[in-house]
Amino acid sequence: MFSKVRNVHFIGIGGTAMAATAVALKEKGFTVTGSDENVYPPMSTFLSQRGLPVFSGYHESNLATAPDLVVVGNAISRGNPEVEAVLDRKLGYCSLPELLKEFFIRGKRSLVVTGTHGKTTTASLLTWVFEHCGLNPSFLIGGIPTNLGQGARFTDSPWFIIEGDEYDTSFFDKRSKFVHYLPEVALINNLEFDHADIFENLGAIQTSFKRLINLIPRNGLLLANGDESNLIGLLGIKHCPVKRFGLASTNDLQAQSLELAENHSSFDLENETYTIPLTGELNVRNALGVAACALHCGITPVQIRAAFLTFRGIKRRMEVCGEPGGIAVIDDFGHHPTAIRETLLALRIKFPDRRLWAVFEPRSNTTRRNVFQSELAAALNLADASVIAQVARLELLPIADRLDPERLIADLRVTGRPAAYLPTADAIADHLMAETRVGDVICIFSNGGFGGLHSQMLNRLAARHNLP
């Protein structure tokens, strides 16, 4: 099906992986178009800068060119006008993971980075290590690493580094995306319950990870966080080597002598010291997994250390957007209580003795539900003050399943910390402009565009202080 493909259309092109792959295909000479209902930065900017046309909304007319192949995003369902047209007209179609597997990964040395948290940072750092060493890897990452400028690239290198997501593949393929990625090495950072819309419980997620592990060849490697209790039951396998990494002495690869500073973190591994310009224990764990994988692939400690020191982070991962008038605005993709907690702990190190605000949009299919009702309160209480946005699409959930925002606010206020539940980005911006002061740090947590709150705060703070 793929051998004659030259004209490709992406339905749901605004997703990070979809956009990155579409641009990479365009750069390889394919004719590429895409459609989406609401593309927001950074992906809208990314697509525009690379001259890739995006149709606004889903319409059968978007398929007027009769593309050779239609790539259907995993957020797209039956009833979508373009999907219905594809099926009616019997056009060739596939999921993004299927496209990647058959078009780009097969025959490569595939390094799959997965886990509930830290996938994007870990995959970005691992890719940069290979790139810094001149290995020119192919990669697909669910974000935009600053060093690389894009989330995907397909080269002639034998190496393919990919962020492996456990979310389902498409409406016509309910397996996790990562089962398509032909892992030689699977690096599993951690495992927690998430994606409550498709997984019934933690056991269902563990089953999906078992399927990934079962695909590792006998000459491959399973690298797993040995400190993660939810992974222990998955590691007793015989078909391929297993190495555990972590902070505990029971691991095969143990990080020791941790130093967590404002602008860097460091650790020792096998009598070598590694330093990264990232803050917090969460990033030590990410870097430890990267070092373990790179060493296995033949990269030397000297090369790894040099690459680490020149790594410049990822957009939307603890990204400092600006500090107009002495108030820092941070953009973070965190939407799970553990990710929020670890990010706030890292920001305490990065910005010591400064008042820390957590502004959270309950937008994901898990945080809109009450499965993390208590955990969200515990995580957000690590901030000095919190603002919760209106829960997205709450009316679409049964009352018994919904996150209770009033209870969340009450739980936050029990500790005496200010907390507010506000309906819109404009209302939140008004509240922050009235309540923040010089020296404050505002961390905005969202896996979406949050109504442009980040840019609104930067613009309003700059205007208040007459800054350009």
Protein backbone atom coordinates (compact mmCIF):
# COMPACT_ATOMS: atom_id res chain seq x y z
CA MET A 1 0.00 0.00 0.00
CA PHE A 2 2.82 2.40 0.79
CA SER A 3 5.08 1.86 -2.23
CA LYS A 4 3.16 4.21 -4.58
CA VAL A 5 2.26 6.86 -2.04
CA ARG A 6 3.23 10.45 -2.92
CA ASN A 7 0.19 12.47 -1.80
CA VAL A 8 -0.75 12.19 1.90
CA HIS A 9 -3.55 13.82 3.87
CA PHE A 10 -3.58 13.90 7.70
CA ILE A 11 -6.94 14.05 9.51
CA GLY A 12 -6.21 15.65 12.90
CA ILE A 13 -2.87 17.16 11.91
CA GLY A 14 -2.69 19.41 14.97
CA GLY A 15 -1.48 16.65 17.30
CA THR A 16 2.20 16.88 18.11
CA ALA A 17 3.17 13.56 16.54
CA MET A 18 0.88 14.02 13.53
CA ALA A 19 2.23 17.51 12.80
CA ALA A 20 5.84 16.46 13.21
CA THR A 21 5.42 13.46 10.91
CA ALA A 22 3.53 15.49 8.31
CA VAL A 23 6.33 18.07 8.16
CA ALA A 24 8.99 15.37 7.97
CA LEU A 25 7.15 13.74 5.03
CA LYS A 26 6.88 17.11 3.30
CA GLU A 27 10.61 17.64 3.71
CA LYS A 28 11.21 14.27 2.04
CA GLY A 29 9.33 15.41 -1.04
CA PHE A 30 5.79 14.17 -0.42
CA THR A 31 2.78 16.36 -1.10
CA VAL A 32 1.14 16.77 2.29
CA THR A 33 -2.08 18.39 3.46
CA GLY A 34 -3.92 18.25 6.75
CA SER A 35 -7.06 19.25 8.55
CA ASP A 36 -8.03 19.97 12.13
CA GLU A 37 -10.60 21.93 14.11
CA ASN A 38 -8.36 23.83 16.48
CA VAL A 39 -4.61 23.96 16.00
CA TYR A 40 -2.85 26.00 18.69
CA PRO A 41 0.79 26.90 19.42
CA PRO A 42 3.38 25.55 19.32
CA MET A 43 2.12 23.17 16.61
CA SER A 44 0.18 25.82 14.64
CA THR A 45 3.33 27.94 14.49
CA PHE A 46 5.43 24.92 13.62
CA LEU A 47 3.19 23.96 10.67
CA SER A 48 2.85 27.53 9.41
CA GLN A 49 6.59 28.20 9.45
CA ARG A 50 7.17 25.11 7.33
CA GLY A 51 4.57 26.01 4.74
CA LEU A 52 2.24 23.11 5.36
CA PRO A 53 -1.38 23.97 4.49
CA VAL A 54 -3.98 23.14 7.13
CA PHE A 55 -7.71 23.08 6.37
CA SER A 56 -9.81 24.54 9.19
CA GLY A 57 -12.45 22.01 10.16
CA TYR A 58 -13.28 18.62 8.71
CA HIS A 59 -14.98 18.59 5.31
CA GLU A 60 -15.20 16.06 2.49
CA SER A 61 -13.93 18.79 0.15
CA ASN A 62 -10.55 18.58 1.92
CA LEU A 63 -10.08 15.28 0.09
CA ALA A 64 -10.67 16.77 -3.36
CA THR A 65 -7.10 15.91 -4.37
CA ALA A 66 -7.89 12.19 -3.87
CA PRO A 67 -4.81 11.52 -1.75
CA ASP A 68 -2.96 8.24 -2.15
CA LEU A 69 -3.06 7.76 1.61
CA VAL A 70 -5.07 9.26 4.46
CA VAL A 71 -3.56 9.13 7.94
CA VAL A 72 -6.26 9.10 10.61
CA GLY A 73 -5.36 10.60 14.00
CA ASN A 74 -6.23 8.71 17.14
CA ALA A 75 -8.60 11.47 18.30
CA ILE A 76 -10.73 11.04 15.17
CA SER A 77 -13.89 8.92 15.34
CA ARG A 78 -16.66 7.63 13.11
CA GLY A 79 -18.97 10.41 12.01
CA ASN A 80 -16.08 12.66 11.03
CA PRO A 81 -16.98 13.86 7.50
CA GLU A 82 -13.53 13.07 6.14
CA VAL A 83 -13.46 9.59 7.68
CA GLU A 84 -16.88 8.82 6.22
CA ALA A 85 -15.71 10.02 2.81
CA VAL A 86 -12.55 7.90 3.02
CA LEU A 87 -14.62 4.80 3.77
CA ASP A 88 -17.26 5.57 1.11
CA ARG A 89 -14.63 6.18 -1.57
CA LYS A 90 -12.43 3.27 -0.44
CA LEU A 91 -9.35 5.48 -0.21
CA GLY A 92 -6.22 4.04 1.32
CA TYR A 93 -5.99 4.86 5.02
CA CYS A 94 -3.98 3.91 8.09
CA SER A 95 -3.16 5.06 11.60
CA LEU A 96 -0.07 7.12 12.30
CA PRO A 97 1.69 4.27 14.19
CA GLU A 98 1.00 1.90 11.29
CA LEU A 99 2.46 4.43 8.85
CA LEU A 100 5.54 4.81 11.01
CA LYS A 101 6.05 1.07 11.40
CA GLU A 102 5.88 0.16 7.73
CA PHE A 103 7.21 3.36 6.20
CA PHE A 104 10.03 4.33 8.54
CA ILE A 105 10.84 1.93 11.40
CA ARG A 106 11.00 -1.55 9.90
CA GLY A 107 14.64 -2.60 9.50
CA LYS A 108 15.90 0.11 11.87
CA ARG A 109 17.30 -0.23 15.38
CA SER A 110 14.26 1.07 17.21
CA LEU A 111 14.67 2.59 20.69
CA VAL A 112 11.22 3.02 22.24
CA VAL A 113 10.93 5.38 25.23
CA THR A 114 7.77 4.91 27.23
CA GLY A 115 6.13 5.21 30.66
CA THR A 116 3.39 7.32 32.19
CA HIS A 117 5.64 10.34 32.75
CA GLY A 118 8.82 11.78 31.29
CA LYS A 119 8.56 10.21 27.83
CA THR A 120 9.05 13.43 25.90
CA THR A 121 11.98 14.70 27.96
CA THR A 122 13.70 11.30 27.96
CA ALA A 123 13.20 10.71 24.23
CA SER A 124 14.42 14.24 23.47
CA LEU A 125 17.53 13.87 25.59
CA LEU A 126 18.31 10.44 24.15
CA THR A 127 17.91 11.76 20.61
CA TRP A 128 20.19 14.69 21.37
CA VAL A 129 22.89 12.34 22.71
CA PHE A 130 22.82 10.41 19.41
CA GLU A 131 22.68 13.62 17.36
CA HIS A 132 25.54 15.21 19.32
CA CYS A 133 27.62 12.10 18.56
CA GLY A 134 27.01 12.52 14.82
CA LEU A 135 24.76 9.46 14.49
CA ASN A 136 22.00 11.40 12.70
CA PRO A 137 19.12 9.34 14.15
CA SER A 138 15.57 9.27 12.90
CA PHE A 139 13.22 10.32 15.67
CA LEU A 140 9.60 10.98 16.56
CA ILE A 141 8.88 12.83 19.79
CA GLY A 142 5.60 14.17 21.18
CA GLY A 143 7.02 17.66 21.61
CA ILE A 144 9.62 19.99 20.14
CA PRO A 145 13.16 19.67 21.59
CA THR A 146 14.88 23.06 21.47
CA ASN A 147 18.13 21.58 20.17
CA LEU A 148 16.42 19.86 17.25
CA GLY A 149 13.74 22.40 16.30
CA GLN A 150 11.18 19.77 15.34
CA GLY A 151 9.57 16.68 16.75
CA ALA A 152 10.32 14.30 13.90
CA ARG A 153 12.98 13.54 11.34
CA PHE A 154 13.51 10.53 9.12
CA THR A 155 17.06 9.78 7.98
CA ASP A 156 19.12 6.94 6.51
CA SER A 157 20.67 6.24 9.91
CA PRO A 158 20.13 2.74 11.36
CA TRP A 159 18.82 4.35 14.58
CA PHE A 160 15.18 5.29 15.18
CA ILE A 161 14.29 6.87 18.54
CA ILE A 162 10.59 7.15 19.29
CA GLU A 163 8.36 8.22 22.14
CA GLY A 164 6.07 5.27 22.77
CA ASP A 165 2.58 6.21 23.91
CA GLU A 166 0.30 3.68 25.63
CA TYR A 167 -2.82 5.45 24.34
CA ASP A 168 -4.88 3.59 21.75
CA THR A 169 -3.88 3.72 18.10
CA SER A 170 -7.11 4.76 16.33
CA PHE A 171 -10.85 4.17 16.23
CA PHE A 172 -10.17 1.06 14.14
CA ASP A 173 -7.19 -0.23 16.18
CA LYS A 174 -7.61 -0.14 19.96
CA ARG A 175 -4.14 -1.46 20.80
CA SER A 176 -1.59 0.91 22.36
CA LYS A 177 0.42 2.89 19.82
CA PHE A 178 3.74 1.51 21.01
CA VAL A 179 2.99 -2.08 19.91
CA HIS A 180 3.65 -0.90 16.33
CA TYR A 181 7.17 0.38 17.01
CA LEU A 182 9.30 -2.81 16.69
CA PRO A 183 11.42 -2.17 19.83
CA GLU A 184 15.01 -3.35 19.97
CA VAL A 185 15.30 -1.50 23.27
CA ALA A 186 12.25 -0.57 25.36
CA LEU A 187 12.98 2.05 28.03
CA ILE A 188 10.15 2.20 30.59
CA ASN A 189 10.40 5.18 32.94
CA ASN A 190 7.43 4.38 35.18
CA LEU A 191 3.89 3.03 35.14
CA GLU A 192 0.79 4.53 36.75
CA PHE A 193 -2.92 4.60 36.07
CA ASP A 194 -3.88 7.10 33.37
CA HIS A 195 -6.16 7.42 30.32
CA ALA A 196 -9.30 6.50 32.23
CA ASP A 197 -11.32 6.83 29.03
CA ILE A 198 -9.72 3.72 27.51
CA PHE A 199 -8.20 1.74 30.41
CA GLU A 200 -10.47 0.31 33.07
CA ASN A 201 -7.78 0.02 35.74
CA LEU A 202 -4.04 -0.23 36.38
CA GLY A 203 -4.05 -3.91 35.44
CA ALA A 204 -5.26 -3.07 31.94
CA ILE A 205 -2.36 -0.69 31.47
CA GLN A 206 0.09 -3.29 32.76
CA THR A 207 -1.30 -5.75 30.21
CA SER A 208 -0.62 -3.26 27.44
CA PHE A 209 2.97 -2.82 28.62
CA LYS A 210 3.35 -6.61 28.70
CA ARG A 211 2.47 -6.66 25.01
CA LEU A 212 5.24 -4.17 24.29
CA ILE A 213 7.74 -6.18 26.33
CA ASN A 214 6.78 -9.35 24.46
CA LEU A 215 7.92 -7.72 21.21
CA ILE A 216 11.53 -7.13 22.32
CA PRO A 217 13.82 -9.54 20.41
CA ARG A 218 16.22 -11.86 22.21
CA ASN A 219 19.15 -9.64 21.18
CA GLY A 220 17.36 -6.54 22.46
CA LEU A 221 17.04 -5.06 25.95
CA LEU A 222 14.33 -4.08 28.43
CA LEU A 223 15.45 -1.08 30.48
CA ALA A 224 13.04 -0.44 33.34
CA ASN A 225 12.79 1.84 36.35
CA GLY A 226 13.51 -0.60 39.17
CA ASP A 227 12.10 1.82 41.75
CA GLU A 228 8.61 1.63 40.19
CA SER A 229 6.50 -0.87 42.13
CA ASN A 230 3.93 -1.15 39.34
CA LEU A 231 6.61 -2.47 36.97
CA ILE A 232 8.07 -5.20 39.19
CA GLY A 233 5.58 -7.86 38.11
CA LEU A 234 6.42 -7.27 34.44
CA LEU A 235 10.18 -7.75 34.65
CA GLY A 236 10.47 -11.48 35.30
CA ILE A 237 10.94 -12.37 31.64
CA LYS A 238 13.39 -14.75 29.96
CA HIS A 239 13.17 -13.92 26.27
CA CYS A 240 15.49 -10.88 26.39
CA PRO A 241 17.95 -9.22 28.81
CA VAL A 242 16.53 -6.94 31.52
CA LYS A 243 18.33 -4.09 33.29
CA ARG A 244 16.82 -2.08 36.13
CA PHE A 245 17.83 1.53 36.71
CA GLY A 246 16.95 3.89 39.55
CA LEU A 247 18.04 5.43 42.82
CA ALA A 248 17.80 2.34 45.04
CA SER A 249 20.79 0.08 45.61
CA THR A 250 18.82 -2.93 44.32
CA ASN A 251 19.07 -1.64 40.72
CA ASP A 252 21.58 -2.84 38.15
CA LEU A 253 22.30 0.81 37.32
CA GLN A 254 22.07 3.10 40.36
CA ALA A 255 22.30 6.88 40.34
CA GLN A 256 24.30 8.06 43.33
CA SER A 257 25.53 11.35 44.82
CA LEU A 258 22.57 13.37 43.53
CA GLU A 259 22.96 17.14 43.37
CA LEU A 260 19.80 19.11 42.71
CA ALA A 261 20.58 22.78 42.03
CA GLU A 262 18.69 25.76 40.61
CA ASN A 263 20.01 25.42 37.06
CA HIS A 264 21.34 21.88 36.87
CA SER A 265 21.23 18.40 38.35
CA SER A 266 23.99 15.81 38.56
CA PHE A 267 24.48 12.19 39.56
CA ASP A 268 27.12 9.49 39.55
CA LEU A 269 26.72 6.28 37.56
CA GLU A 270 29.40 3.58 37.54
CA ASN A 271 32.07 6.02 38.78
CA GLU A 272 31.19 8.65 36.16
CA THR A 273 29.54 11.99 36.96
CA TYR A 274 26.78 13.24 34.65
CA THR A 275 25.37 16.79 34.75
CA ILE A 276 22.27 18.04 32.96
CA PRO A 277 21.02 21.66 32.71
CA LEU A 278 17.60 20.55 33.99
CA THR A 279 16.14 20.83 37.47
CA GLY A 280 14.73 18.22 39.81
CA GLU A 281 14.80 14.55 40.68
CA LEU A 282 12.36 13.76 37.87
CA ASN A 283 14.99 14.87 35.36
CA VAL A 284 17.72 12.89 37.10
CA ARG A 285 15.60 9.79 36.57
CA ASN A 286 15.03 10.74 32.92
CA ALA A 287 18.75 11.29 32.36
CA LEU A 288 19.65 8.05 34.12
CA GLY A 289 17.47 6.09 31.70
CA VAL A 290 19.07 7.90 28.78
CA ALA A 291 22.58 7.18 30.02
CA ALA A 292 21.73 3.51 30.49
CA CYS A 293 20.33 3.23 26.96
CA ALA A 294 23.17 5.17 25.32
CA LEU A 295 25.83 3.07 27.09
CA HIS A 296 24.10 -0.10 25.90
CA CYS A 297 24.20 1.26 22.32
CA GLY A 298 27.96 1.82 22.47
CA ILE A 299 28.13 5.54 23.26
CA THR A 300 30.87 6.40 25.74
CA PRO A 301 30.47 8.25 29.05
CA VAL A 302 32.57 11.12 27.69
CA GLN A 303 30.21 11.51 24.74
CA ILE A 304 27.12 11.31 26.93
CA ARG A 305 28.43 13.92 29.35
CA ALA A 306 29.21 16.35 26.54
CA ALA A 307 25.75 15.93 25.02
CA PHE A 308 24.01 16.37 28.38
CA LEU A 309 25.74 19.70 29.00
CA THR A 310 24.49 21.15 25.70
CA PHE A 311 20.86 20.01 26.02
CA ARG A 312 18.42 22.96 26.01
CA GLY A 313 15.12 21.38 26.98
CA ILE A 314 11.73 20.97 25.32
CA LYS A 315 8.90 23.35 24.63
CA ARG A 316 6.05 23.05 27.14
CA ARG A 317 8.12 21.06 29.63
CA MET A 318 8.84 23.43 32.53
CA GLU A 319 9.44 26.06 29.84
CA VAL A 320 10.13 29.59 31.09
CA CYS A 321 8.12 31.70 28.64
CA GLY A 322 9.26 35.01 30.10
CA GLU A 323 9.56 37.07 33.27
CA PRO A 324 8.00 40.49 32.54
CA GLY A 325 7.98 42.76 35.55
CA GLY A 326 9.75 40.15 37.68
CA ILE A 327 6.94 37.57 37.48
CA ALA A 328 7.96 34.31 35.80
CA VAL A 329 5.43 32.56 33.53
CA ILE A 330 6.06 28.82 33.13
CA ASP A 331 4.39 26.58 30.55
CA ASP A 332 4.14 22.89 31.46
CA PHE A 333 2.28 20.03 29.80
CA GLY A 334 1.63 18.30 33.14
CA HIS A 335 -1.87 16.83 33.43
CA HIS A 336 -1.41 13.92 35.84
CA PRO A 337 -1.05 14.41 39.62
CA THR A 338 2.40 12.81 39.69
CA ALA A 339 3.67 15.01 36.86
CA ILE A 340 2.25 18.12 38.55
CA ARG A 341 3.78 17.15 41.88
CA GLU A 342 7.24 16.46 40.44
CA THR A 343 7.22 19.65 38.40
CA LEU A 344 6.27 21.77 41.43
CA LEU A 345 9.02 20.11 43.48
CA ALA A 346 11.51 20.92 40.71
CA LEU A 347 10.30 24.52 40.50
CA ARG A 348 10.85 24.88 44.25
CA ILE A 349 14.51 24.10 43.56
CA LYS A 350 14.73 26.29 40.46
CA PHE A 351 13.04 29.30 42.09
CA PRO A 352 13.88 29.11 45.81
CA ASP A 353 12.14 31.48 48.21
CA ARG A 354 9.67 32.69 45.58
CA ARG A 355 5.88 32.40 45.78
CA LEU A 356 4.71 29.63 43.47
CA TRP A 357 1.34 29.60 41.71
CA ALA A 358 -0.14 26.48 40.11
CA VAL A 359 -2.73 27.21 37.43
CA PHE A 360 -4.33 23.96 36.25
CA GLU A 361 -6.73 23.15 33.43
CA PRO A 362 -8.48 19.78 34.05
CA ARG A 363 -8.68 18.92 30.38
CA SER A 364 -7.41 15.37 29.89
CA ASN A 365 -9.84 12.46 29.78
CA THR A 366 -8.50 11.31 33.15
CA THR A 367 -8.36 14.57 35.14
CA ARG A 368 -11.90 15.46 34.05
CA ARG A 369 -12.93 12.41 36.06
CA ASN A 370 -12.77 11.91 39.83
CA VAL A 371 -10.22 9.10 39.72
CA PHE A 372 -7.55 11.54 40.94
CA GLN A 373 -9.78 13.76 43.11
CA SER A 374 -7.59 13.47 46.23
CA GLU A 375 -4.30 13.11 44.37
CA LEU A 376 -4.82 16.37 42.49
CA ALA A 377 -5.39 18.25 45.75
CA ALA A 378 -2.24 16.76 47.27
CA ALA A 379 -0.16 17.67 44.23
CA LEU A 380 -1.47 21.21 43.83
CA ASN A 381 -1.01 21.90 47.54
CA LEU A 382 2.73 21.92 46.88
CA ALA A 383 2.16 25.40 45.40
CA ASP A 384 1.59 28.49 47.53
CA ALA A 385 -1.61 29.32 45.65
CA SER A 386 -3.74 27.53 43.06
CA VAL A 387 -6.19 28.42 40.35
CA ILE A 388 -8.34 25.71 38.74
CA ALA A 389 -9.95 26.32 35.37
CA GLN A 390 -13.41 25.13 34.51
CA VAL A 391 -13.36 21.38 33.97
CA ALA A 392 -13.47 20.74 30.24
CA ARG A 393 -16.57 19.05 28.79
CA LEU A 394 -17.80 18.07 32.26
CA GLU A 395 -21.38 17.74 31.01
CA LEU A 396 -20.35 14.79 28.82
CA LEU A 397 -19.53 12.64 31.85
CA PRO A 398 -21.96 10.87 34.20
CA ILE A 399 -22.30 12.82 37.46
CA ALA A 400 -20.83 9.93 39.45
CA ASP A 401 -17.65 10.00 37.32
CA ARG A 402 -16.99 13.76 37.28
CA LEU A 403 -14.18 15.59 39.02
CA ASP A 404 -15.77 17.69 41.78
CA PRO A 405 -14.13 21.14 41.47
CA GLU A 406 -15.85 22.51 44.58
CA ARG A 407 -14.44 19.68 46.68
CA LEU A 408 -11.03 20.19 45.08
CA ILE A 409 -11.04 23.87 46.01
CA ALA A 410 -12.21 23.05 49.54
CA ASP A 411 -9.40 20.50 49.95
CA LEU A 412 -6.85 23.05 48.74
CA ARG A 413 -8.12 25.71 51.15
CA VAL A 414 -7.95 23.38 54.17
CA THR A 415 -4.22 24.05 54.38
CA GLY A 416 -4.79 27.80 54.37
CA ARG A 417 -3.46 28.30 50.86
CA PRO A 418 -5.48 30.49 48.48
CA ALA A 419 -7.39 28.62 45.79
CA ALA A 420 -9.88 29.74 43.16
CA TYR A 421 -12.10 27.99 40.60
CA LEU A 422 -12.58 30.28 37.60
CA PRO A 423 -14.42 29.57 34.35
CA THR A 424 -12.27 31.12 31.61
CA ALA A 425 -8.73 32.08 30.69
CA ASP A 426 -9.77 35.75 30.81
CA ALA A 427 -11.13 35.41 34.35
CA ILE A 428 -7.97 33.60 35.44
CA ALA A 429 -5.78 36.31 33.89
CA ASP A 430 -7.78 39.00 35.72
CA HIS A 431 -7.34 37.11 39.00
CA LEU A 432 -3.61 36.64 38.51
CA MET A 433 -3.08 40.28 37.54
CA ALA A 434 -4.83 41.34 40.74
CA GLU A 435 -3.17 38.86 43.10
CA THR A 436 0.41 38.32 41.89
CA ARG A 437 3.39 40.44 42.89
CA VAL A 438 6.98 40.90 41.82
CA GLY A 439 8.97 37.72 42.43
CA ASP A 440 6.05 35.33 41.91
CA VAL A 441 6.29 32.27 39.67
CA ILE A 442 3.18 31.20 37.74
CA CYS A 443 3.23 27.64 36.41
CA ILE A 444 0.43 27.01 33.92
CA PHE A 445 -0.40 23.30 33.60
CA SER A 446 -2.35 22.21 30.53
CA ASN A 447 -2.20 19.62 27.78
CA GLY A 448 -4.03 22.07 25.51
CA GLY A 449 -3.94 25.72 24.52
CA PHE A 450 -5.71 26.96 27.71
CA GLY A 451 -7.38 29.80 25.79
CA GLY A 452 -4.06 31.53 25.15
CA LEU A 453 -3.53 32.17 28.85
CA HIS A 454 0.27 32.00 28.58
CA SER A 455 0.56 34.78 25.98
CA GLN A 456 -2.19 36.81 27.65
CA MET A 457 -0.28 36.86 30.94
CA LEU A 458 2.99 37.77 29.24
CA ASN A 459 1.34 40.61 27.32
CA ARG A 460 -0.60 41.98 30.27
CA LEU A 461 2.38 41.85 32.62
CA ALA A 462 4.57 43.57 30.03
CA ALA A 463 1.94 46.27 29.50
CA ARG A 464 1.62 46.86 33.24
CA HIS A 465 5.32 47.57 33.46
CA ASN A 466 5.56 49.44 30.12
CA LEU A 467 7.79 46.78 28.63
CA PRO A 468 8.05 46.18 24.85
